[in-house]
Amino acid sequence: MHFLKTLFWVVLAVIAVIFSLRNWAPVPINLWAGMTADVKLPVLLLLGVLIGFLPTYAVHRTKLWRLHRRIDNLERNALVATPPAPAASEPTATPPLPGTEA
């Protein structure tokens, strides 16, 4: 399974490199006051993907962090709520049976 995952990412990286090499053209972006920025197309696409990915990633990590805190809190409460184990009683010495004295 690990091999398939690695193969998928290698194929995806090769496709991204081929796309970048074939589309390495400047894209003019009109800014304020008549300024324009010439940005290469792959860089512009990467920025767009990051703008969409980072908020989603932040929400995911925040939710995961909250769940970990909640689990830790529940585990702490469960440890406090469980009664302590009963103390083991000391073994009592039994007197030897008559006729078995050594």
PDB file of N, CA and C in Angstrom:
ATOM      1  N   MET A   1       0.820  -1.188   0.000  1.00  0.00           N
ATOM      2  CA  MET A   1       0.000   0.000   0.000  1.00  0.00           C
ATOM      3  C   MET A   1       0.866   1.254   0.000  1.00  0.00           C
ATOM      4  N   HIS A   2       1.973   1.191   0.744  1.00  0.00           N
ATOM      5  CA  HIS A   2       2.880   2.333   0.785  1.00  0.00           C
ATOM      6  C   HIS A   2       3.453   2.611  -0.607  1.00  0.00           C
ATOM      7  N   PHE A   3       3.705   1.546  -1.354  1.00  0.00           N
ATOM      8  CA  PHE A   3       4.224   1.703  -2.711  1.00  0.00           C
ATOM      9  C   PHE A   3       3.232   2.460  -3.587  1.00  0.00           C
ATOM     10  N   LEU A   4       1.949   2.140  -3.482  1.00  0.00           N
ATOM     11  CA  LEU A   4       0.937   2.820  -4.296  1.00  0.00           C
ATOM     12  C   LEU A   4       0.833   4.295  -3.937  1.00  0.00           C
ATOM     13  N   LYS A   5       0.946   4.592  -2.651  1.00  0.00           N
ATOM     14  CA  LYS A   5       0.903   5.983  -2.222  1.00  0.00           C
ATOM     15  C   LYS A   5       2.100   6.753  -2.791  1.00  0.00           C
ATOM     16  N   THR A   6       3.268   6.146  -2.723  1.00  0.00           N
ATOM     17  CA  THR A   6       4.465   6.782  -3.262  1.00  0.00           C
ATOM     18  C   THR A   6       4.346   6.951  -4.771  1.00  0.00           C
ATOM     19  N   LEU A   7       3.855   5.943  -5.444  1.00  0.00           N
ATOM     20  CA  LEU A   7       3.675   6.017  -6.893  1.00  0.00           C
ATOM     21  C   LEU A   7       2.707   7.136  -7.267  1.00  0.00           C
ATOM     22  N   PHE A   8       1.623   7.266  -6.529  1.00  0.00           N
ATOM     23  CA  PHE A   8       0.649   8.332  -6.788  1.00  0.00           C
ATOM     24  C   PHE A   8       1.299   9.706  -6.680  1.00  0.00           C
ATOM     25  N   TRP A   9       2.077   9.940  -5.623  1.00  0.00           N
ATOM     26  CA  TRP A   9       2.691  11.252  -5.435  1.00  0.00           C
ATOM     27  C   TRP A   9       3.777  11.517  -6.474  1.00  0.00           C
ATOM     28  N   VAL A  10       4.495  10.486  -6.884  1.00  0.00           N
ATOM     29  CA  VAL A  10       5.511  10.671  -7.929  1.00  0.00           C
ATOM     30  C   VAL A  10       4.844  11.031  -9.247  1.00  0.00           C
ATOM     31  N   VAL A  11       3.778  10.330  -9.608  1.00  0.00           N
ATOM     32  CA  VAL A  11       3.055  10.635 -10.850  1.00  0.00           C
ATOM     33  C   VAL A  11       2.477  12.044 -10.791  1.00  0.00           C
ATOM     34  N   LEU A  12       1.917  12.421  -9.659  1.00  0.00           N
ATOM     35  CA  LEU A  12       1.364  13.770  -9.506  1.00  0.00           C
ATOM     36  C   LEU A  12       2.452  14.837  -9.623  1.00  0.00           C
ATOM     37  N   ALA A  13       3.625  14.585  -9.055  1.00  0.00           N
ATOM     38  CA  ALA A  13       4.731  15.538  -9.152  1.00  0.00           C
ATOM     39  C   ALA A  13       5.224  15.662 -10.590  1.00  0.00           C
ATOM     40  N   VAL A  14       5.311  14.549 -11.299  1.00  0.00           N
ATOM     41  CA  VAL A  14       5.747  14.590 -12.703  1.00  0.00           C
ATOM     42  C   VAL A  14       4.744  15.369 -13.546  1.00  0.00           C
ATOM     43  N   ILE A  15       3.461  15.153 -13.315  1.00  0.00           N
ATOM     44  CA  ILE A  15       2.433  15.896 -14.056  1.00  0.00           C
ATOM     45  C   ILE A  15       2.536  17.386 -13.759  1.00  0.00           C
ATOM     46  N   ALA A  16       2.776  17.742 -12.496  1.00  0.00           N
ATOM     47  CA  ALA A  16       2.907  19.157 -12.132  1.00  0.00           C
ATOM     48  C   ALA A  16       4.121  19.786 -12.799  1.00  0.00           C
ATOM     49  N   VAL A  17       5.237  19.067 -12.866  1.00  0.00           N
ATOM     50  CA  VAL A  17       6.446  19.601 -13.513  1.00  0.00           C
ATOM     51  C   VAL A  17       6.217  19.771 -15.007  1.00  0.00           C
ATOM     52  N   ILE A  18       5.607  18.788 -15.645  1.00  0.00           N
ATOM     53  CA  ILE A  18       5.331  18.896 -17.087  1.00  0.00           C
ATOM     54  C   ILE A  18       4.385  20.057 -17.358  1.00  0.00           C
ATOM     55  N   PHE A  19       3.346  20.205 -16.539  1.00  0.00           N
ATOM     56  CA  PHE A  19       2.417  21.325 -16.706  1.00  0.00           C
ATOM     57  C   PHE A  19       3.141  22.657 -16.548  1.00  0.00           C
ATOM     58  N   SER A  20       4.012  22.740 -15.551  1.00  0.00           N
ATOM     59  CA  SER A  20       4.738  23.990 -15.313  1.00  0.00           C
ATOM     60  C   SER A  20       5.663  24.330 -16.468  1.00  0.00           C
ATOM     61  N   LEU A  21       6.345  23.330 -17.004  1.00  0.00           N
ATOM     62  CA  LEU A  21       7.268  23.595 -18.107  1.00  0.00           C
ATOM     63  C   LEU A  21       6.527  24.006 -19.378  1.00  0.00           C
ATOM     64  N   ARG A  22       5.387  23.400 -19.639  1.00  0.00           N
ATOM     65  CA  ARG A  22       4.623  23.711 -20.851  1.00  0.00           C
ATOM     66  C   ARG A  22       3.889  25.049 -20.761  1.00  0.00           C
ATOM     67  N   ASN A  23       3.586  25.510 -19.551  1.00  0.00           N
ATOM     68  CA  ASN A  23       2.796  26.724 -19.377  1.00  0.00           C
ATOM     69  C   ASN A  23       3.568  27.823 -18.651  1.00  0.00           C
ATOM     70  N   TRP A  24       4.844  27.919 -18.883  1.00  0.00           N
ATOM     71  CA  TRP A  24       5.665  28.913 -18.207  1.00  0.00           C
ATOM     72  C   TRP A  24       5.534  30.255 -18.928  1.00  0.00           C
ATOM     73  N   ALA A  25       4.350  30.794 -18.891  1.00  0.00           N
ATOM     74  CA  ALA A  25       4.070  32.063 -19.569  1.00  0.00           C
ATOM     75  C   ALA A  25       3.642  33.087 -18.527  1.00  0.00           C
ATOM     76  N   PRO A  26       4.037  34.345 -18.733  1.00  0.00           N
ATOM     77  CA  PRO A  26       3.616  35.374 -17.779  1.00  0.00           C
ATOM     78  C   PRO A  26       2.136  35.718 -17.948  1.00  0.00           C
ATOM     79  N   VAL A  27       1.482  35.914 -16.832  1.00  0.00           N
ATOM     80  CA  VAL A  27       0.074  36.305 -16.823  1.00  0.00           C
ATOM     81  C   VAL A  27       0.009  37.695 -16.200  1.00  0.00           C
ATOM     82  N   PRO A  28      -0.486  38.689 -16.954  1.00  0.00           N
ATOM     83  CA  PRO A  28      -0.557  40.035 -16.368  1.00  0.00           C
ATOM     84  C   PRO A  28      -1.737  40.143 -15.396  1.00  0.00           C
ATOM     85  N   ILE A  29      -1.448  40.658 -14.221  1.00  0.00           N
ATOM     86  CA  ILE A  29      -2.488  40.898 -13.220  1.00  0.00           C
ATOM     87  C   ILE A  29      -2.574  42.404 -13.019  1.00  0.00           C
ATOM     88  N   ASN A  30      -3.757  42.962 -13.251  1.00  0.00           N
ATOM     89  CA  ASN A  30      -3.950  44.402 -13.090  1.00  0.00           C
ATOM     90  C   ASN A  30      -4.145  44.732 -11.615  1.00  0.00           C
ATOM     91  N   LEU A  31      -3.266  45.577 -11.102  1.00  0.00           N
ATOM     92  CA  LEU A  31      -3.355  46.025  -9.725  1.00  0.00           C
ATOM     93  C   LEU A  31      -3.920  47.441  -9.699  1.00  0.00           C
ATOM     94  N   TRP A  32      -3.929  48.071  -8.560  1.00  0.00           N
ATOM     95  CA  TRP A  32      -4.456  49.417  -8.441  1.00  0.00           C
ATOM     96  C   TRP A  32      -3.512  50.434  -9.077  1.00  0.00           C
ATOM     97  N   ALA A  33      -4.053  51.578  -9.396  1.00  0.00           N
ATOM     98  CA  ALA A  33      -3.321  52.733  -9.940  1.00  0.00           C
ATOM     99  C   ALA A  33      -2.571  52.393 -11.223  1.00  0.00           C
ATOM    100  N   GLY A  34      -3.143  51.542 -12.048  1.00  0.00           N
ATOM    101  CA  GLY A  34      -2.539  51.247 -13.339  1.00  0.00           C
ATOM    102  C   GLY A  34      -1.328  50.337 -13.283  1.00  0.00           C
ATOM    103  N   MET A  35      -1.014  49.772 -12.137  1.00  0.00           N
ATOM    104  CA  MET A  35       0.136  48.874 -12.039  1.00  0.00           C
ATOM    105  C   MET A  35      -0.280  47.478 -12.482  1.00  0.00           C
ATOM    106  N   THR A  36       0.635  46.791 -13.116  1.00  0.00           N
ATOM    107  CA  THR A  36       0.398  45.401 -13.495  1.00  0.00           C
ATOM    108  C   THR A  36       1.537  44.536 -12.970  1.00  0.00           C
ATOM    109  N   ALA A  37       1.202  43.331 -12.600  1.00  0.00           N
ATOM    110  CA  ALA A  37       2.205  42.374 -12.139  1.00  0.00           C
ATOM    111  C   ALA A  37       2.207  41.206 -13.112  1.00  0.00           C
ATOM    112  N   ASP A  38       3.373  40.884 -13.618  1.00  0.00           N
ATOM    113  CA  ASP A  38       3.514  39.728 -14.498  1.00  0.00           C
ATOM    114  C   ASP A  38       3.946  38.534 -13.643  1.00  0.00           C
ATOM    115  N   VAL A  39       3.040  37.594 -13.496  1.00  0.00           N
ATOM    116  CA  VAL A  39       3.283  36.413 -12.670  1.00  0.00           C
ATOM    117  C   VAL A  39       3.212  35.195 -13.574  1.00  0.00           C
ATOM    118  N   LYS A  40       4.128  34.276 -13.366  1.00  0.00           N
ATOM    119  CA  LYS A  40       4.111  33.038 -14.150  1.00  0.00           C
ATOM    120  C   LYS A  40       2.878  32.214 -13.772  1.00  0.00           C
ATOM    121  N   LEU A  41       2.292  31.546 -14.741  1.00  0.00           N
ATOM    122  CA  LEU A  41       1.046  30.810 -14.537  1.00  0.00           C
ATOM    123  C   LEU A  41       1.148  29.733 -13.451  1.00  0.00           C
ATOM    124  N   PRO A  42       2.189  28.895 -13.416  1.00  0.00           N
ATOM    125  CA  PRO A  42       2.257  27.883 -12.343  1.00  0.00           C
ATOM    126  C   PRO A  42       2.332  28.499 -10.944  1.00  0.00           C
ATOM    127  N   VAL A  43       3.019  29.632 -10.831  1.00  0.00           N
ATOM    128  CA  VAL A  43       3.106  30.299  -9.528  1.00  0.00           C
ATOM    129  C   VAL A  43       1.735  30.813  -9.115  1.00  0.00           C
ATOM    130  N   LEU A  44       1.004  31.360 -10.067  1.00  0.00           N
ATOM    131  CA  LEU A  44      -0.337  31.865  -9.795  1.00  0.00           C
ATOM    132  C   LEU A  44      -1.274  30.729  -9.372  1.00  0.00           C
ATOM    133  N   LEU A  45      -1.175  29.592 -10.037  1.00  0.00           N
ATOM    134  CA  LEU A  45      -2.007  28.445  -9.663  1.00  0.00           C
ATOM    135  C   LEU A  45      -1.636  27.907  -8.280  1.00  0.00           C
ATOM    136  N   LEU A  46      -0.345  27.880  -7.981  1.00  0.00           N
ATOM    137  CA  LEU A  46       0.097  27.428  -6.661  1.00  0.00           C
ATOM    138  C   LEU A  46      -0.429  28.355  -5.567  1.00  0.00           C
ATOM    139  N   LEU A  47      -0.387  29.648  -5.807  1.00  0.00           N
ATOM    140  CA  LEU A  47      -0.932  30.598  -4.834  1.00  0.00           C
ATOM    141  C   LEU A  47      -2.431  30.385  -4.637  1.00  0.00           C
ATOM    142  N   GLY A  48      -3.146  30.129  -5.718  1.00  0.00           N
ATOM    143  CA  GLY A  48      -4.583  29.871  -5.609  1.00  0.00           C
ATOM    144  C   GLY A  48      -4.884  28.625  -4.807  1.00  0.00           C
ATOM    145  N   VAL A  49      -4.110  27.579  -5.030  1.00  0.00           N
ATOM    146  CA  VAL A  49      -4.305  26.334  -4.278  1.00  0.00           C
ATOM    147  C   VAL A  49      -4.002  26.560  -2.797  1.00  0.00           C
ATOM    148  N   LEU A  50      -2.921  27.287  -2.505  1.00  0.00           N
ATOM    149  CA  LEU A  50      -2.584  27.549  -1.108  1.00  0.00           C
ATOM    150  C   LEU A  50      -3.632  28.409  -0.418  1.00  0.00           C
ATOM    151  N   ILE A  51      -4.174  29.390  -1.130  1.00  0.00           N
ATOM    152  CA  ILE A  51      -5.216  30.240  -0.543  1.00  0.00           C
ATOM    153  C   ILE A  51      -6.443  29.401  -0.190  1.00  0.00           C
ATOM    154  N   GLY A  52      -6.749  28.396  -0.982  1.00  0.00           N
ATOM    155  CA  GLY A  52      -7.877  27.529  -0.673  1.00  0.00           C
ATOM    156  C   GLY A  52      -7.561  26.473   0.370  1.00  0.00           C
ATOM    157  N   PHE A  53      -6.304  26.026   0.422  1.00  0.00           N
ATOM    158  CA  PHE A  53      -5.936  24.925   1.305  1.00  0.00           C
ATOM    159  C   PHE A  53      -5.680  25.373   2.743  1.00  0.00           C
ATOM    160  N   LEU A  54      -5.029  26.501   2.924  1.00  0.00           N
ATOM    161  CA  LEU A  54      -4.618  26.906   4.264  1.00  0.00           C
ATOM    162  C   LEU A  54      -5.787  27.126   5.233  1.00  0.00           C
ATOM    163  N   PRO A  55      -6.874  27.802   4.846  1.00  0.00           N
ATOM    164  CA  PRO A  55      -7.987  27.917   5.802  1.00  0.00           C
ATOM    165  C   PRO A  55      -8.606  26.561   6.153  1.00  0.00           C
ATOM    166  N   THR A  56      -8.719  25.692   5.175  1.00  0.00           N
ATOM    167  CA  THR A  56      -9.262  24.358   5.436  1.00  0.00           C
ATOM    168  C   THR A  56      -8.353  23.588   6.385  1.00  0.00           C
ATOM    169  N   TYR A  57      -7.059  23.685   6.179  1.00  0.00           N
ATOM    170  CA  TYR A  57      -6.093  23.021   7.046  1.00  0.00           C
ATOM    171  C   TYR A  57      -6.160  23.587   8.464  1.00  0.00           C
ATOM    172  N   ALA A  58      -6.300  24.899   8.575  1.00  0.00           N
ATOM    173  CA  ALA A  58      -6.390  25.524   9.897  1.00  0.00           C
ATOM    174  C   ALA A  58      -7.637  25.053  10.639  1.00  0.00           C
ATOM    175  N   VAL A  59      -8.765  24.960   9.950  1.00  0.00           N
ATOM    176  CA  VAL A  59      -9.997  24.480  10.586  1.00  0.00           C
ATOM    177  C   VAL A  59      -9.825  23.026  11.025  1.00  0.00           C
ATOM    178  N   HIS A  60      -9.221  22.214  10.184  1.00  0.00           N
ATOM    179  CA  HIS A  60      -9.004  20.804  10.513  1.00  0.00           C
ATOM    180  C   HIS A  60      -8.110  20.655  11.744  1.00  0.00           C
ATOM    181  N   ARG A  61      -6.995  21.378  11.785  1.00  0.00           N
ATOM    182  CA  ARG A  61      -6.079  21.281  12.917  1.00  0.00           C
ATOM    183  C   ARG A  61      -6.723  21.787  14.201  1.00  0.00           C
ATOM    184  N   THR A  62      -7.541  22.854  14.094  1.00  0.00           N
ATOM    185  CA  THR A  62      -8.231  23.376  15.270  1.00  0.00           C
ATOM    186  C   THR A  62      -9.206  22.345  15.814  1.00  0.00           C
ATOM    187  N   LYS A  63      -9.945  21.706  14.925  1.00  0.00           N
ATOM    188  CA  LYS A  63     -10.908  20.685  15.355  1.00  0.00           C
ATOM    189  C   LYS A  63     -10.181  19.505  16.000  1.00  0.00           C
ATOM    190  N   LEU A  64      -9.066  19.100  15.419  1.00  0.00           N
ATOM    191  CA  LEU A  64      -8.290  17.997  15.971  1.00  0.00           C
ATOM    192  C   LEU A  64      -7.738  18.357  17.348  1.00  0.00           C
ATOM    193  N   TRP A  65      -7.262  19.584  17.502  1.00  0.00           N
ATOM    194  CA  TRP A  65      -6.733  20.046  18.781  1.00  0.00           C
ATOM    195  C   TRP A  65      -7.831  20.028  19.849  1.00  0.00           C
ATOM    196  N   ARG A  66      -9.030  20.510  19.493  1.00  0.00           N
ATOM    197  CA  ARG A  66     -10.152  20.508  20.440  1.00  0.00           C
ATOM    198  C   ARG A  66     -10.523  19.084  20.854  1.00  0.00           C
ATOM    199  N   LEU A  67     -10.539  18.170  19.888  1.00  0.00           N
ATOM    200  CA  LEU A  67     -10.881  16.780  20.215  1.00  0.00           C
ATOM    201  C   LEU A  67      -9.847  16.150  21.142  1.00  0.00           C
ATOM    202  N   HIS A  68      -8.566  16.437  20.915  1.00  0.00           N
ATOM    203  CA  HIS A  68      -7.526  15.908  21.800  1.00  0.00           C
ATOM    204  C   HIS A  68      -7.681  16.462  23.213  1.00  0.00           C
ATOM    205  N   ARG A  69      -7.982  17.746  23.322  1.00  0.00           N
ATOM    206  CA  ARG A  69      -8.201  18.340  24.647  1.00  0.00           C
ATOM    207  C   ARG A  69      -9.406  17.701  25.328  1.00  0.00           C
ATOM    208  N   ARG A  70     -10.449  17.464  24.561  1.00  0.00           N
ATOM    209  CA  ARG A  70     -11.667  16.868  25.122  1.00  0.00           C
ATOM    210  C   ARG A  70     -11.396  15.443  25.605  1.00  0.00           C
ATOM    211  N   ILE A  71     -10.665  14.669  24.806  1.00  0.00           N
ATOM    212  CA  ILE A  71     -10.324  13.294  25.199  1.00  0.00           C
ATOM    213  C   ILE A  71      -9.462  13.298  26.457  1.00  0.00           C
ATOM    214  N   ASP A  72      -8.464  14.187  26.512  1.00  0.00           N
ATOM    215  CA  ASP A  72      -7.617  14.270  27.705  1.00  0.00           C
ATOM    216  C   ASP A  72      -8.438  14.616  28.942  1.00  0.00           C
ATOM    217  N   ASN A  73      -9.365  15.549  28.791  1.00  0.00           N
ATOM    218  CA  ASN A  73     -10.215  15.945  29.912  1.00  0.00           C
ATOM    219  C   ASN A  73     -11.094  14.778  30.370  1.00  0.00           C
ATOM    220  N   LEU A  74     -11.680  14.053  29.414  1.00  0.00           N
ATOM    221  CA  LEU A  74     -12.511  12.901  29.770  1.00  0.00           C
ATOM    222  C   LEU A  74     -11.692  11.802  30.452  1.00  0.00           C
ATOM    223  N   GLU A  75     -10.472  11.574  29.975  1.00  0.00           N
ATOM    224  CA  GLU A  75      -9.623  10.559  30.602  1.00  0.00           C
ATOM    225  C   GLU A  75      -9.249  10.962  32.023  1.00  0.00           C
ATOM    226  N   ARG A  76      -8.934  12.253  32.223  1.00  0.00           N
ATOM    227  CA  ARG A  76      -8.617  12.733  33.561  1.00  0.00           C
ATOM    228  C   ARG A  76      -9.809  12.557  34.503  1.00  0.00           C
ATOM    229  N   ASN A  77     -10.997  12.907  34.019  1.00  0.00           N
ATOM    230  CA  ASN A  77     -12.197  12.747  34.842  1.00  0.00           C
ATOM    231  C   ASN A  77     -12.483  11.280  35.141  1.00  0.00           C
ATOM    232  N   ALA A  78     -12.213  10.403  34.199  1.00  0.00           N
ATOM    233  CA  ALA A  78     -12.439   8.973  34.422  1.00  0.00           C
ATOM    234  C   ALA A  78     -11.474   8.430  35.473  1.00  0.00           C
ATOM    235  N   LEU A  79     -10.235   8.911  35.477  1.00  0.00           N
ATOM    236  CA  LEU A  79      -9.274   8.452  36.482  1.00  0.00           C
ATOM    237  C   LEU A  79      -9.668   8.928  37.875  1.00  0.00           C
ATOM    238  N   VAL A  80     -10.185  10.135  37.963  1.00  0.00           N
ATOM    239  CA  VAL A  80     -10.595  10.667  39.262  1.00  0.00           C
ATOM    240  C   VAL A  80     -11.838   9.939  39.757  1.00  0.00           C
ATOM    241  N   ALA A  81     -12.744   9.588  38.867  1.00  0.00           N
ATOM    242  CA  ALA A  81     -14.020   8.993  39.257  1.00  0.00           C
ATOM    243  C   ALA A  81     -13.904   7.521  39.641  1.00  0.00           C
ATOM    244  N   THR A  82     -12.897   6.822  39.170  1.00  0.00           N
ATOM    245  CA  THR A  82     -12.789   5.398  39.494  1.00  0.00           C
ATOM    246  C   THR A  82     -12.324   5.235  40.934  1.00  0.00           C
ATOM    247  N   PRO A  83     -12.971   4.359  41.684  1.00  0.00           N
ATOM    248  CA  PRO A  83     -12.552   4.153  43.078  1.00  0.00           C
ATOM    249  C   PRO A  83     -11.206   3.434  43.102  1.00  0.00           C
ATOM    250  N   PRO A  84     -10.428   3.690  44.143  1.00  0.00           N
ATOM    251  CA  PRO A  84      -9.131   3.000  44.216  1.00  0.00           C
ATOM    252  C   PRO A  84      -9.335   1.502  44.434  1.00  0.00           C
ATOM    253  N   ALA A  85      -8.403   0.750  43.971  1.00  0.00           N
ATOM    254  CA  ALA A  85      -8.485  -0.709  44.127  1.00  0.00           C
ATOM    255  C   ALA A  85      -8.402  -1.058  45.611  1.00  0.00           C
ATOM    256  N   PRO A  86      -9.154  -2.058  46.047  1.00  0.00           N
ATOM    257  CA  PRO A  86      -9.102  -2.422  47.476  1.00  0.00           C
ATOM    258  C   PRO A  86      -7.712  -2.935  47.825  1.00  0.00           C
ATOM    259  N   ALA A  87      -7.291  -2.562  49.014  1.00  0.00           N
ATOM    260  CA  ALA A  87      -5.962  -2.981  49.462  1.00  0.00           C
ATOM    261  C   ALA A  87      -5.965  -4.486  49.701  1.00  0.00           C
ATOM    262  N   ALA A  88      -4.903  -5.108  49.300  1.00  0.00           N
ATOM    263  CA  ALA A  88      -4.790  -6.554  49.497  1.00  0.00           C
ATOM    264  C   ALA A  88      -4.603  -6.828  50.985  1.00  0.00           C
ATOM    265  N   SER A  89      -5.369  -7.746  51.515  1.00  0.00           N
ATOM    266  CA  SER A  89      -5.250  -8.067  52.949  1.00  0.00           C
ATOM    267  C   SER A  89      -3.994  -8.900  53.166  1.00  0.00           C
ATOM    268  N   GLU A  90      -3.424  -8.732  54.350  1.00  0.00           N
ATOM    269  CA  GLU A  90      -2.209  -9.479  54.659  1.00  0.00           C
ATOM    270  C   GLU A  90      -2.566 -10.941  54.898  1.00  0.00           C
ATOM    271  N   PRO A  91      -1.750 -11.829  54.389  1.00  0.00           N
ATOM    272  CA  PRO A  91      -2.047 -13.249  54.638  1.00  0.00           C
ATOM    273  C   PRO A  91      -1.875 -13.562  56.133  1.00  0.00           C
ATOM    274  N   THR A  92      -2.779 -14.319  56.658  1.00  0.00           N
ATOM    275  CA  THR A  92      -2.693 -14.698  58.077  1.00  0.00           C
ATOM    276  C   THR A  92      -1.976 -16.033  58.187  1.00  0.00           C
ATOM    277  N   ALA A  93      -1.213 -16.134  59.217  1.00  0.00           N
ATOM    278  CA  ALA A  93      -0.475 -17.382  59.432  1.00  0.00           C
ATOM    279  C   ALA A  93      -1.419 -18.419  60.029  1.00  0.00           C
ATOM    280  N   THR A  94      -1.430 -19.582  59.448  1.00  0.00           N
ATOM    281  CA  THR A  94      -2.276 -20.660  59.972  1.00  0.00           C
ATOM    282  C   THR A  94      -1.418 -21.557  60.853  1.00  0.00           C
ATOM    283  N   PRO A  95      -1.951 -21.960  61.960  1.00  0.00           N
ATOM    284  CA  PRO A  95      -1.157 -22.844  62.831  1.00  0.00           C
ATOM    285  C   PRO A  95      -0.959 -24.195  62.149  1.00  0.00           C
ATOM    286  N   PRO A  96       0.171 -24.795  62.384  1.00  0.00           N
ATOM    287  CA  PRO A  96       0.415 -26.098  61.761  1.00  0.00           C
ATOM    288  C   PRO A  96      -0.566 -27.146  62.285  1.00  0.00           C
ATOM    289  N   LEU A  97      -0.882 -28.062  61.435  1.00  0.00           N
ATOM    290  CA  LEU A  97      -1.794 -29.136  61.813  1.00  0.00           C
ATOM    291  C   LEU A  97      -1.089 -30.084  62.787  1.00  0.00           C
ATOM    292  N   PRO A  98      -1.835 -30.644  63.700  1.00  0.00           N
ATOM    293  CA  PRO A  98      -1.192 -31.563  64.652  1.00  0.00           C
ATOM    294  C   PRO A  98      -0.642 -32.795  63.926  1.00  0.00           C
ATOM    295  N   GLY A  99       0.512 -33.133  64.270  1.00  0.00           N
ATOM    296  CA  GLY A  99       1.145 -34.312  63.710  1.00  0.00           C
ATOM    297  C   GLY A  99       1.957 -34.012  62.463  1.00  0.00           C
ATOM    298  N   THR A 100       1.971 -32.763  62.005  1.00  0.00           N
ATOM    299  CA  THR A 100       2.760 -32.434  60.817  1.00  0.00           C
ATOM    300  C   THR A 100       3.918 -31.530  61.169  1.00  0.00           C
ATOM    301  N   GLU A 101       4.250 -31.458  62.439  1.00  0.00           N
ATOM    302  CA  GLU A 101       5.342 -30.581  62.837  1.00  0.00           C
ATOM    303  C   GLU A 101       6.658 -31.197  62.407  1.00  0.00           C
ATOM    304  N   ALA A 102       7.510 -30.329  61.937  1.00  0.00           N
ATOM    305  CA  ALA A 102       8.782 -30.834  61.464  1.00  0.00           C
ATOM    306  C   ALA A 102       9.868 -30.725  62.471  1.00  0.00           C
TER     307      ALA A 102
END
